[in-house]
C-alpha cells in the first residue's frame, strides 16, 4: 500500500539511522536489502535476518527484491 511504501522508501532505518530502509536505484545502500540478504550486521545493523521466522528467502526472492530496488523501487 502507499503508506507501506512511504514508510520504507527514502526513510531512515530504525536499526541503522545512517542508512535508508530503501534507497531507490541502490540496493547496497538499502537496509532492507541487507536485512533480507543477511548482511545487515556487516554494515552496522542489528537484529535478525528477514524474515525473522521461517526459512531464509530463496535466491529468486532475493533477486526480486534487489531488482525492485535497483530499478527505482517504484510503488
N, C-alpha and C. Protein backbone atom coordinates (compact mmCIF):
# COMPACT_ATOMS: atom_id res chain seq x y z
N UNK A 1 0.84 -1.19 0.00
CA UNK A 1 0.00 0.00 0.00
C UNK A 1 0.87 1.24 0.00
N UNK A 2 0.28 2.39 -0.24
CA UNK A 2 1.02 3.64 -0.29
C UNK A 2 1.69 3.99 1.01
N UNK A 3 1.03 3.69 2.15
CA UNK A 3 1.64 4.02 3.43
C UNK A 3 2.84 3.13 3.71
N UNK A 4 2.79 1.88 3.31
CA UNK A 4 3.94 0.99 3.47
C UNK A 4 5.10 1.51 2.63
N UNK A 5 4.82 1.88 1.40
CA UNK A 5 5.84 2.43 0.51
C UNK A 5 6.44 3.70 1.13
N UNK A 6 5.59 4.58 1.62
CA UNK A 6 6.04 5.83 2.22
C UNK A 6 6.85 5.64 3.50
N UNK A 7 6.64 4.52 4.17
CA UNK A 7 7.40 4.22 5.38
C UNK A 7 8.70 3.48 5.09
N UNK A 8 8.94 3.13 3.84
CA UNK A 8 10.13 2.34 3.51
C UNK A 8 11.11 3.08 2.60
N UNK A 9 10.62 3.74 1.59
CA UNK A 9 11.49 4.33 0.58
C UNK A 9 11.91 5.74 1.00
N UNK A 10 13.22 5.94 1.08
CA UNK A 10 13.76 7.24 1.44
C UNK A 10 13.61 7.60 2.91
N UNK A 11 13.38 6.59 3.76
CA UNK A 11 13.18 6.79 5.19
C UNK A 11 14.31 6.08 5.93
N UNK A 12 14.91 6.77 6.91
CA UNK A 12 16.00 6.17 7.68
C UNK A 12 15.54 4.92 8.41
N UNK A 13 16.40 3.93 8.44
CA UNK A 13 16.12 2.70 9.17
C UNK A 13 16.16 2.96 10.67
N UNK A 14 15.26 2.34 11.40
CA UNK A 14 15.28 2.47 12.85
C UNK A 14 16.47 1.76 13.48
N UNK A 15 16.94 0.68 12.85
CA UNK A 15 18.07 -0.07 13.38
C UNK A 15 19.41 0.49 12.94
N UNK A 16 19.44 1.25 11.84
CA UNK A 16 20.66 1.85 11.34
C UNK A 16 20.31 3.20 10.70
N UNK A 17 20.12 4.24 11.53
CA UNK A 17 19.64 5.53 11.03
C UNK A 17 20.50 6.17 9.94
N UNK A 18 21.76 5.76 9.82
CA UNK A 18 22.62 6.33 8.78
C UNK A 18 22.31 5.76 7.40
N UNK A 19 21.43 4.76 7.33
CA UNK A 19 21.08 4.13 6.05
C UNK A 19 19.56 4.11 5.91
N UNK A 20 19.08 4.52 4.73
CA UNK A 20 17.65 4.45 4.48
C UNK A 20 17.19 3.01 4.36
N UNK A 21 15.94 2.79 4.70
CA UNK A 21 15.37 1.45 4.55
C UNK A 21 15.49 1.00 3.10
N UNK A 22 15.08 1.86 2.19
CA UNK A 22 15.21 1.59 0.76
C UNK A 22 15.72 2.86 0.08
N UNK A 23 16.84 2.73 -0.62
CA UNK A 23 17.39 3.82 -1.43
C UNK A 23 17.19 3.43 -2.89
N UNK A 24 16.24 4.08 -3.59
CA UNK A 24 15.98 3.71 -4.98
C UNK A 24 17.25 3.70 -5.82
N UNK A 25 17.36 2.72 -6.69
CA UNK A 25 18.48 2.51 -7.62
C UNK A 25 19.77 2.09 -6.92
N UNK A 26 19.72 1.75 -5.62
CA UNK A 26 20.96 1.48 -4.88
C UNK A 26 20.73 0.42 -3.80
N UNK A 27 20.65 -0.84 -4.19
CA UNK A 27 20.43 -1.89 -3.19
C UNK A 27 21.56 -1.96 -2.16
N UNK A 28 22.84 -1.75 -2.52
CA UNK A 28 23.89 -1.81 -1.50
C UNK A 28 23.75 -0.74 -0.41
N UNK A 29 23.00 0.33 -0.70
CA UNK A 29 22.78 1.38 0.29
C UNK A 29 21.36 1.33 0.85
N UNK A 30 20.72 0.16 0.77
CA UNK A 30 19.36 -0.04 1.27
C UNK A 30 19.37 -1.07 2.39
N UNK A 31 18.95 -0.62 3.59
CA UNK A 31 18.99 -1.52 4.74
C UNK A 31 18.07 -2.72 4.55
N UNK A 32 16.94 -2.54 3.90
CA UNK A 32 16.04 -3.66 3.62
C UNK A 32 16.78 -4.77 2.88
N UNK A 33 17.59 -4.40 1.91
CA UNK A 33 18.34 -5.39 1.15
C UNK A 33 19.28 -6.17 2.08
N UNK A 34 20.00 -5.44 2.93
CA UNK A 34 20.94 -6.11 3.84
C UNK A 34 20.22 -7.01 4.84
N UNK A 35 19.04 -6.60 5.31
CA UNK A 35 18.28 -7.45 6.24
C UNK A 35 17.83 -8.73 5.53
N UNK A 36 17.38 -8.63 4.30
CA UNK A 36 16.94 -9.80 3.55
C UNK A 36 18.12 -10.70 3.18
N UNK A 37 19.25 -10.09 2.85
CA UNK A 37 20.43 -10.83 2.41
C UNK A 37 21.23 -11.40 3.58
N UNK A 38 20.94 -10.92 4.79
CA UNK A 38 21.66 -11.40 5.97
C UNK A 38 23.00 -10.71 6.18
N UNK A 39 23.20 -9.58 5.51
CA UNK A 39 24.46 -8.84 5.64
C UNK A 39 24.30 -7.56 6.47
N UNK A 40 23.20 -7.44 7.19
CA UNK A 40 22.92 -6.23 7.95
C UNK A 40 23.95 -5.95 9.04
N UNK A 41 24.49 -6.98 9.68
CA UNK A 41 25.50 -6.76 10.73
C UNK A 41 26.79 -6.22 10.13
N UNK A 42 27.11 -6.61 8.90
CA UNK A 42 28.33 -6.15 8.22
C UNK A 42 28.31 -4.63 8.02
N UNK A 43 27.11 -4.07 7.78
CA UNK A 43 27.01 -2.63 7.54
C UNK A 43 26.71 -1.85 8.82
N UNK A 44 26.68 -2.55 9.97
CA UNK A 44 26.47 -1.88 11.24
C UNK A 44 25.09 -2.01 11.82
N UNK A 45 24.24 -2.83 11.21
CA UNK A 45 22.88 -3.00 11.70
C UNK A 45 22.80 -4.03 12.81
N UNK A 46 21.57 -4.31 13.20
CA UNK A 46 21.34 -5.25 14.30
C UNK A 46 20.08 -6.06 14.03
N UNK A 47 19.77 -6.94 14.96
CA UNK A 47 18.56 -7.73 14.84
C UNK A 47 18.76 -8.96 13.99
N UNK A 48 17.64 -9.59 13.65
CA UNK A 48 17.64 -10.83 12.90
C UNK A 48 17.51 -10.58 11.41
N UNK A 49 17.94 -11.57 10.63
CA UNK A 49 17.74 -11.54 9.19
C UNK A 49 16.24 -11.62 8.91
N UNK A 50 15.80 -11.03 7.82
CA UNK A 50 14.41 -11.13 7.40
C UNK A 50 14.24 -12.36 6.50
N UNK A 51 13.12 -13.01 6.57
CA UNK A 51 12.08 -12.87 7.58
C UNK A 51 12.55 -13.44 8.92
N UNK A 52 12.03 -12.88 10.02
CA UNK A 52 12.52 -13.28 11.34
C UNK A 52 12.17 -14.71 11.73
N UNK A 53 11.14 -15.26 11.15
CA UNK A 53 10.79 -16.66 11.42
C UNK A 53 10.60 -17.38 10.10
N UNK A 54 10.84 -18.65 10.11
CA UNK A 54 10.72 -19.40 8.88
C UNK A 54 12.04 -19.46 8.13
N UNK A 55 12.03 -20.07 6.97
CA UNK A 55 13.27 -20.22 6.21
C UNK A 55 13.72 -18.90 5.60
N UNK A 56 15.03 -18.78 5.34
CA UNK A 56 15.51 -17.57 4.66
C UNK A 56 14.90 -17.47 3.26
N UNK A 57 14.93 -16.30 2.70
CA UNK A 57 14.42 -16.11 1.35
C UNK A 57 15.26 -16.89 0.36
N UNK A 58 14.63 -17.31 -0.72
CA UNK A 58 15.34 -18.04 -1.77
C UNK A 58 16.15 -17.05 -2.61
N UNK A 59 17.06 -17.58 -3.40
CA UNK A 59 17.85 -16.73 -4.30
C UNK A 59 16.94 -15.96 -5.25
N UNK A 60 15.87 -16.60 -5.71
CA UNK A 60 14.93 -15.94 -6.62
C UNK A 60 14.21 -14.79 -5.92
N UNK A 61 13.79 -15.00 -4.67
CA UNK A 61 13.12 -13.94 -3.92
C UNK A 61 14.08 -12.78 -3.65
N UNK A 62 15.32 -13.09 -3.30
CA UNK A 62 16.32 -12.04 -3.08
C UNK A 62 16.56 -11.26 -4.37
N UNK A 63 16.61 -11.94 -5.49
CA UNK A 63 16.81 -11.27 -6.77
C UNK A 63 15.66 -10.33 -7.09
N UNK A 64 14.42 -10.72 -6.75
CA UNK A 64 13.27 -9.84 -6.97
C UNK A 64 13.39 -8.55 -6.15
N UNK A 65 13.79 -8.68 -4.89
CA UNK A 65 13.95 -7.51 -4.03
C UNK A 65 15.05 -6.61 -4.56
N UNK A 66 16.18 -7.21 -4.91
CA UNK A 66 17.31 -6.43 -5.42
C UNK A 66 16.94 -5.74 -6.73
N UNK A 67 16.28 -6.45 -7.62
CA UNK A 67 15.86 -5.85 -8.90
C UNK A 67 14.88 -4.71 -8.69
N UNK A 68 13.94 -4.87 -7.74
CA UNK A 68 12.97 -3.81 -7.46
C UNK A 68 13.69 -2.56 -6.98
N UNK A 69 14.61 -2.72 -6.05
CA UNK A 69 15.35 -1.56 -5.53
C UNK A 69 16.19 -0.93 -6.64
N UNK A 70 16.96 -1.75 -7.36
CA UNK A 70 17.89 -1.24 -8.36
C UNK A 70 17.20 -0.66 -9.58
N UNK A 71 15.91 -0.98 -9.78
CA UNK A 71 15.17 -0.40 -10.90
C UNK A 71 14.37 0.83 -10.46
N UNK A 72 14.57 1.30 -9.24
CA UNK A 72 13.94 2.54 -8.80
C UNK A 72 12.97 2.41 -7.66
N UNK A 73 12.69 1.20 -7.21
CA UNK A 73 11.79 0.97 -6.07
C UNK A 73 10.43 1.63 -6.28
N UNK A 74 9.89 1.43 -7.46
CA UNK A 74 8.58 2.02 -7.76
C UNK A 74 7.48 1.34 -6.98
N UNK A 75 6.43 2.12 -6.62
CA UNK A 75 5.32 1.52 -5.86
C UNK A 75 4.60 0.44 -6.62
